[in-house]
Amino acid sequence: KGLDLHDIKIIVQWGYTSSLSALMQRLGCGARDPLLTAVGIYLVKPIYFD
């Protein structure tokens, strides 16, 4: 089923995701309440930027 949390304000993705759509799915879990704003933080190793 999963969790139904509406007030998540910060999403941290630690590590590389297999695709952009997987990243967007995870970051999209924030601020389900339309009155809130969420921040997504994507932390990956520097090797992915070379």
PDB file of N, CA and C in Angstrom:
ATOM      1  N   LYS A   1       0.810  -1.185   0.000  1.00  0.00           N
ATOM      2  CA  LYS A   1       0.000   0.000   0.000  1.00  0.00           C
ATOM      3  C   LYS A   1       0.855   1.251   0.000  1.00  0.00           C
ATOM      4  N   GLY A   2       1.753   1.413   0.911  1.00  0.00           N
ATOM      5  CA  GLY A   2       2.566   2.622   0.987  1.00  0.00           C
ATOM      6  C   GLY A   2       2.062   3.592   2.036  1.00  0.00           C
ATOM      7  N   LEU A   3       2.779   4.676   2.172  1.00  0.00           N
ATOM      8  CA  LEU A   3       2.430   5.712   3.141  1.00  0.00           C
ATOM      9  C   LEU A   3       1.647   6.834   2.474  1.00  0.00           C
ATOM     10  N   ASP A   4       0.775   7.452   3.228  1.00  0.00           N
ATOM     11  CA  ASP A   4       0.001   8.586   2.731  1.00  0.00           C
ATOM     12  C   ASP A   4       0.323   9.798   3.598  1.00  0.00           C
ATOM     13  N   LEU A   5       1.489  10.398   3.344  1.00  0.00           N
ATOM     14  CA  LEU A   5       1.952  11.551   4.112  1.00  0.00           C
ATOM     15  C   LEU A   5       1.862  12.792   3.239  1.00  0.00           C
ATOM     16  N   HIS A   6       1.153  13.805   3.676  1.00  0.00           N
ATOM     17  CA  HIS A   6       0.915  14.985   2.861  1.00  0.00           C
ATOM     18  C   HIS A   6       1.838  16.152   3.179  1.00  0.00           C
ATOM     19  N   ASP A   7       2.559  16.097   4.308  1.00  0.00           N
ATOM     20  CA  ASP A   7       3.324  17.269   4.730  1.00  0.00           C
ATOM     21  C   ASP A   7       4.838  17.077   4.671  1.00  0.00           C
ATOM     22  N   ILE A   8       5.319  16.295   3.730  1.00  0.00           N
ATOM     23  CA  ILE A   8       6.758  16.106   3.558  1.00  0.00           C
ATOM     24  C   ILE A   8       7.328  17.350   2.881  1.00  0.00           C
ATOM     25  N   LYS A   9       8.327  17.963   3.519  1.00  0.00           N
ATOM     26  CA  LYS A   9       8.880  19.222   3.011  1.00  0.00           C
ATOM     27  C   LYS A   9      10.275  19.072   2.419  1.00  0.00           C
ATOM     28  N   ILE A  10      10.987  18.003   2.790  1.00  0.00           N
ATOM     29  CA  ILE A  10      12.337  17.777   2.275  1.00  0.00           C
ATOM     30  C   ILE A  10      12.457  16.315   1.855  1.00  0.00           C
ATOM     31  N   ILE A  11      12.907  16.099   0.627  1.00  0.00           N
ATOM     32  CA  ILE A  11      13.165  14.755   0.127  1.00  0.00           C
ATOM     33  C   ILE A  11      14.647  14.680  -0.188  1.00  0.00           C
ATOM     34  N   VAL A  12      15.337  13.685   0.363  1.00  0.00           N
ATOM     35  CA  VAL A  12      16.759  13.495   0.099  1.00  0.00           C
ATOM     36  C   VAL A  12      16.926  12.164  -0.622  1.00  0.00           C
ATOM     37  N   GLN A  13      17.476  12.214  -1.823  1.00  0.00           N
ATOM     38  CA  GLN A  13      17.807  11.000  -2.568  1.00  0.00           C
ATOM     39  C   GLN A  13      19.302  10.798  -2.434  1.00  0.00           C
ATOM     40  N   TRP A  14      19.683   9.730  -1.740  1.00  0.00           N
ATOM     41  CA  TRP A  14      21.094   9.428  -1.522  1.00  0.00           C
ATOM     42  C   TRP A  14      21.489   8.355  -2.522  1.00  0.00           C
ATOM     43  N   GLY A  15      22.320   8.717  -3.460  1.00  0.00           N
ATOM     44  CA  GLY A  15      22.791   7.757  -4.446  1.00  0.00           C
ATOM     45  C   GLY A  15      22.095   7.899  -5.788  1.00  0.00           C
ATOM     46  N   TYR A  16      22.738   7.332  -6.780  1.00  0.00           N
ATOM     47  CA  TYR A  16      22.308   7.404  -8.168  1.00  0.00           C
ATOM     48  C   TYR A  16      21.011   6.631  -8.380  1.00  0.00           C
ATOM     49  N   THR A  17      20.102   7.195  -9.157  1.00  0.00           N
ATOM     50  CA  THR A  17      18.888   6.469  -9.539  1.00  0.00           C
ATOM     51  C   THR A  17      19.073   5.911 -10.944  1.00  0.00           C
ATOM     52  N   SER A  18      18.354   4.868 -11.255  1.00  0.00           N
ATOM     53  CA  SER A  18      18.522   4.190 -12.538  1.00  0.00           C
ATOM     54  C   SER A  18      18.020   5.004 -13.721  1.00  0.00           C
ATOM     55  N   SER A  19      17.130   5.960 -13.464  1.00  0.00           N
ATOM     56  CA  SER A  19      16.591   6.769 -14.559  1.00  0.00           C
ATOM     57  C   SER A  19      16.076   8.101 -14.021  1.00  0.00           C
ATOM     58  N   LEU A  20      15.889   9.036 -14.932  1.00  0.00           N
ATOM     59  CA  LEU A  20      15.329  10.327 -14.552  1.00  0.00           C
ATOM     60  C   LEU A  20      13.902  10.161 -14.049  1.00  0.00           C
ATOM     61  N   SER A  21      13.145   9.256 -14.651  1.00  0.00           N
ATOM     62  CA  SER A  21      11.765   9.056 -14.200  1.00  0.00           C
ATOM     63  C   SER A  21      11.714   8.494 -12.783  1.00  0.00           C
ATOM     64  N   ALA A  22      12.676   7.645 -12.407  1.00  0.00           N
ATOM     65  CA  ALA A  22      12.733   7.127 -11.035  1.00  0.00           C
ATOM     66  C   ALA A  22      13.024   8.259 -10.053  1.00  0.00           C
ATOM     67  N   LEU A  23      13.932   9.157 -10.427  1.00  0.00           N
ATOM     68  CA  LEU A  23      14.244  10.306  -9.577  1.00  0.00           C
ATOM     69  C   LEU A  23      13.024  11.204  -9.421  1.00  0.00           C
ATOM     70  N   MET A  24      12.347  11.504 -10.511  1.00  0.00           N
ATOM     71  CA  MET A  24      11.169  12.371 -10.453  1.00  0.00           C
ATOM     72  C   MET A  24      10.053  11.743  -9.617  1.00  0.00           C
ATOM     73  N   GLN A  25       9.907  10.431  -9.694  1.00  0.00           N
ATOM     74  CA  GLN A  25       8.904   9.738  -8.883  1.00  0.00           C
ATOM     75  C   GLN A  25       9.209   9.920  -7.398  1.00  0.00           C
ATOM     76  N   ARG A  26      10.464   9.775  -7.023  1.00  0.00           N
ATOM     77  CA  ARG A  26      10.847   9.918  -5.612  1.00  0.00           C
ATOM     78  C   ARG A  26      10.720  11.355  -5.129  1.00  0.00           C
ATOM     79  N   LEU A  27      11.194  12.298  -5.942  1.00  0.00           N
ATOM     80  CA  LEU A  27      11.112  13.700  -5.536  1.00  0.00           C
ATOM     81  C   LEU A  27       9.678  14.206  -5.542  1.00  0.00           C
ATOM     82  N   GLY A  28       8.837  13.594  -6.339  1.00  0.00           N
ATOM     83  CA  GLY A  28       7.440  13.999  -6.422  1.00  0.00           C
ATOM     84  C   GLY A  28       6.610  13.635  -5.211  1.00  0.00           C
ATOM     85  N   CYS A  29       7.211  12.958  -4.253  1.00  0.00           N
ATOM     86  CA  CYS A  29       6.477  12.574  -3.037  1.00  0.00           C
ATOM     87  C   CYS A  29       6.369  13.718  -2.042  1.00  0.00           C
ATOM     88  N   GLY A  30       7.032  14.814  -2.294  1.00  0.00           N
ATOM     89  CA  GLY A  30       6.991  15.947  -1.367  1.00  0.00           C
ATOM     90  C   GLY A  30       5.851  16.893  -1.650  1.00  0.00           C
ATOM     91  N   ALA A  31       5.417  17.567  -0.608  1.00  0.00           N
ATOM     92  CA  ALA A  31       4.405  18.630  -0.688  1.00  0.00           C
ATOM     93  C   ALA A  31       3.137  18.184  -1.397  1.00  0.00           C
ATOM     94  N   ARG A  32       2.570  17.085  -0.952  1.00  0.00           N
ATOM     95  CA  ARG A  32       1.291  16.634  -1.513  1.00  0.00           C
ATOM     96  C   ARG A  32       0.164  17.590  -1.143  1.00  0.00           C
ATOM     97  N   ASP A  33       0.381  18.348  -0.089  1.00  0.00           N
ATOM     98  CA  ASP A  33      -0.575  19.392   0.295  1.00  0.00           C
ATOM     99  C   ASP A  33      -0.296  20.598  -0.603  1.00  0.00           C
ATOM    100  N   PRO A  34      -1.272  21.066  -1.377  1.00  0.00           N
ATOM    101  CA  PRO A  34      -1.025  22.168  -2.308  1.00  0.00           C
ATOM    102  C   PRO A  34      -0.602  23.483  -1.656  1.00  0.00           C
ATOM    103  N   LEU A  35      -0.750  23.604  -0.353  1.00  0.00           N
ATOM    104  CA  LEU A  35      -0.343  24.825   0.338  1.00  0.00           C
ATOM    105  C   LEU A  35       1.122  24.800   0.764  1.00  0.00           C
ATOM    106  N   LEU A  36       1.810  23.681   0.554  1.00  0.00           N
ATOM    107  CA  LEU A  36       3.205  23.527   0.970  1.00  0.00           C
ATOM    108  C   LEU A  36       4.148  23.588  -0.225  1.00  0.00           C
ATOM    109  N   THR A  37       5.402  23.861   0.081  1.00  0.00           N
ATOM    110  CA  THR A  37       6.485  23.798  -0.895  1.00  0.00           C
ATOM    111  C   THR A  37       7.496  22.788  -0.385  1.00  0.00           C
ATOM    112  N   ALA A  38       8.024  21.968  -1.284  1.00  0.00           N
ATOM    113  CA  ALA A  38       9.013  20.965  -0.899  1.00  0.00           C
ATOM    114  C   ALA A  38      10.332  21.242  -1.608  1.00  0.00           C
ATOM    115  N   VAL A  39      11.410  20.710  -1.032  1.00  0.00           N
ATOM    116  CA  VAL A  39      12.749  20.811  -1.602  1.00  0.00           C
ATOM    117  C   VAL A  39      13.267  19.400  -1.816  1.00  0.00           C
ATOM    118  N   GLY A  40      13.828  19.152  -2.993  1.00  0.00           N
ATOM    119  CA  GLY A  40      14.445  17.864  -3.279  1.00  0.00           C
ATOM    120  C   GLY A  40      15.951  18.012  -3.336  1.00  0.00           C
ATOM    121  N   ILE A  41      16.660  17.126  -2.654  1.00  0.00           N
ATOM    122  CA  ILE A  41      18.127  17.147  -2.621  1.00  0.00           C
ATOM    123  C   ILE A  41      18.619  15.821  -3.187  1.00  0.00           C
ATOM    124  N   TYR A  42      19.463  15.896  -4.198  1.00  0.00           N
ATOM    125  CA  TYR A  42      19.968  14.708  -4.891  1.00  0.00           C
ATOM    126  C   TYR A  42      21.464  14.603  -4.624  1.00  0.00           C
ATOM    127  N   LEU A  43      21.879  13.626  -3.838  1.00  0.00           N
ATOM    128  CA  LEU A  43      23.280  13.457  -3.451  1.00  0.00           C
ATOM    129  C   LEU A  43      23.874  12.257  -4.188  1.00  0.00           C
ATOM    130  N   VAL A  44      24.870  12.524  -5.031  1.00  0.00           N
ATOM    131  CA  VAL A  44      25.547  11.451  -5.756  1.00  0.00           C
ATOM    132  C   VAL A  44      27.054  11.654  -5.660  1.00  0.00           C
ATOM    133  N   LYS A  45      27.791  10.608  -5.968  1.00  0.00           N
ATOM    134  CA  LYS A  45      29.246  10.683  -5.937  1.00  0.00           C
ATOM    135  C   LYS A  45      29.751  11.593  -7.056  1.00  0.00           C
ATOM    136  N   PRO A  46      30.873  12.289  -6.834  1.00  0.00           N
ATOM    137  CA  PRO A  46      31.420  13.198  -7.851  1.00  0.00           C
ATOM    138  C   PRO A  46      31.727  12.512  -9.186  1.00  0.00           C
ATOM    139  N   ILE A  47      31.964  11.226  -9.185  1.00  0.00           N
ATOM    140  CA  ILE A  47      32.299  10.513 -10.424  1.00  0.00           C
ATOM    141  C   ILE A  47      31.206  10.656 -11.484  1.00  0.00           C
ATOM    142  N   TYR A  48      29.973  10.857 -11.071  1.00  0.00           N
ATOM    143  CA  TYR A  48      28.867  10.979 -12.023  1.00  0.00           C
ATOM    144  C   TYR A  48      28.863  12.321 -12.744  1.00  0.00           C
ATOM    145  N   PHE A  49      29.706  13.250 -12.323  1.00  0.00           N
ATOM    146  CA  PHE A  49      29.778  14.555 -12.961  1.00  0.00           C
ATOM    147  C   PHE A  49      30.958  14.677 -13.918  1.00  0.00           C
ATOM    148  N   ASP A  50      31.785  13.649 -14.009  1.00  0.00           N
ATOM    149  CA  ASP A  50      32.956  13.682 -14.911  1.00  0.00           C
ATOM    150  C   ASP A  50      32.563  13.371 -16.335  1.00  0.00           C
TER     151      ASP A  50
END
